[in-house]
Amino acid sequence: MIWHIAQINVARFSVARADPVNADFEAALDEVNALAEASPGFVWRMTGEGENDDPDLTINMTVWESIEQLSAFAYRNITHRGVM
């Protein structure tokens, strides 16, 4: 049997998502997502806008082969850490 680890982040922006204070975060999303997809252990990520009607709510979900590989990306990847 093969097991994977899934992570989900649900966050509400403290100011409107379109506010300039969020510009660096928004600008980094494509790069961070591409880095995740190229990382060892990456399996899948949720894409698209989904059914979310709240523009100030953001949801991210990824699936990894192991908690160690997820942790390596989340905490050791300099670009991802910079966004966090």
Protein backbone atom coordinates (compact mmCIF):
# COMPACT_ATOMS: atom_id res chain seq x y z
CA MET A 1 0.00 0.00 0.00
CA ILE A 2 1.26 3.50 -0.86
CA TRP A 3 0.61 6.37 1.56
CA HIS A 4 0.90 10.09 0.86
CA ILE A 5 0.64 13.20 3.00
CA ALA A 6 -1.80 15.98 2.09
CA GLN A 7 -1.57 19.51 3.40
CA ILE A 8 -4.15 22.26 3.13
CA ASN A 9 -3.84 25.93 4.03
CA VAL A 10 -6.90 28.14 4.29
CA ALA A 11 -6.23 31.81 4.99
CA ARG A 12 -8.08 35.08 4.89
CA PHE A 13 -6.13 38.17 3.86
CA SER A 14 -6.12 40.82 6.61
CA VAL A 15 -6.53 43.48 3.92
CA ALA A 16 -8.09 43.05 0.49
CA ARG A 17 -6.16 40.58 -1.63
CA ALA A 18 -5.79 43.22 -4.33
CA ASP A 19 -4.22 45.69 -1.88
CA PRO A 20 -0.63 46.65 -2.82
CA VAL A 21 0.62 45.27 0.51
CA ASN A 22 -0.03 41.77 -0.92
CA ALA A 23 1.74 42.42 -4.24
CA ASP A 24 4.95 40.51 -3.36
CA PHE A 25 2.93 37.47 -2.23
CA GLU A 26 0.81 37.49 -5.39
CA ALA A 27 3.86 37.97 -7.61
CA ALA A 28 5.61 34.95 -6.07
CA LEU A 29 2.74 32.45 -6.46
CA ASP A 30 3.59 31.13 -9.93
CA GLU A 31 7.27 30.68 -9.04
CA VAL A 32 6.53 28.99 -5.71
CA ASN A 33 3.98 26.65 -7.32
CA ALA A 34 6.45 25.73 -10.07
CA LEU A 35 9.16 25.05 -7.46
CA ALA A 36 6.77 22.82 -5.51
CA GLU A 37 5.84 20.86 -8.63
CA ALA A 38 9.54 20.31 -9.40
CA SER A 39 10.43 19.28 -5.85
CA PRO A 40 11.25 15.71 -4.84
CA GLY A 41 8.18 13.95 -3.46
CA PHE A 42 5.60 16.29 -4.98
CA VAL A 43 2.53 14.37 -6.18
CA TRP A 44 -0.31 16.82 -6.88
CA ARG A 45 -1.71 20.28 -6.13
CA MET A 46 -5.17 21.76 -6.33
CA THR A 47 -5.40 24.25 -9.19
CA GLY A 48 -8.05 26.58 -10.49
CA GLU A 49 -10.39 28.98 -8.80
CA GLY A 50 -12.91 26.40 -7.57
CA GLU A 51 -16.19 27.47 -6.01
CA ASN A 52 -14.72 30.14 -3.73
CA ASP A 53 -16.87 33.30 -3.82
CA ASP A 54 -14.68 35.18 -1.33
CA PRO A 55 -11.80 36.98 -3.09
CA ASP A 56 -10.01 37.54 0.22
CA LEU A 57 -9.87 33.84 1.07
CA THR A 58 -7.03 31.74 -0.29
CA ILE A 59 -6.85 27.94 -0.27
CA ASN A 60 -3.82 25.83 -1.11
CA MET A 61 -3.70 22.04 -1.10
CA THR A 62 -0.81 19.78 -2.08
CA VAL A 63 -0.03 16.07 -1.82
CA TRP A 64 3.47 14.72 -1.13
CA GLU A 65 5.08 11.29 -0.95
CA SER A 66 6.25 11.91 2.63
CA ILE A 67 6.17 14.41 5.47
CA GLU A 68 9.96 14.75 5.13
CA GLN A 69 9.66 15.85 1.51
CA LEU A 70 6.85 18.29 2.31
CA SER A 71 8.93 19.69 5.18
CA ALA A 72 12.01 20.04 2.97
CA PHE A 73 10.05 22.15 0.49
CA ALA A 74 8.12 24.19 3.05
CA TYR A 75 10.99 25.01 5.40
CA ARG A 76 14.22 24.62 3.44
CA ASN A 77 13.27 26.14 0.10
CA ILE A 78 14.50 29.76 0.29
CA THR A 79 11.88 31.12 -2.12
CA HIS A 80 8.99 29.47 -0.26
CA ARG A 81 10.37 30.57 3.11
CA GLY A 82 10.59 34.13 1.83
CA VAL A 83 6.87 34.13 1.04
CA MET A 84 5.97 32.58 4.37
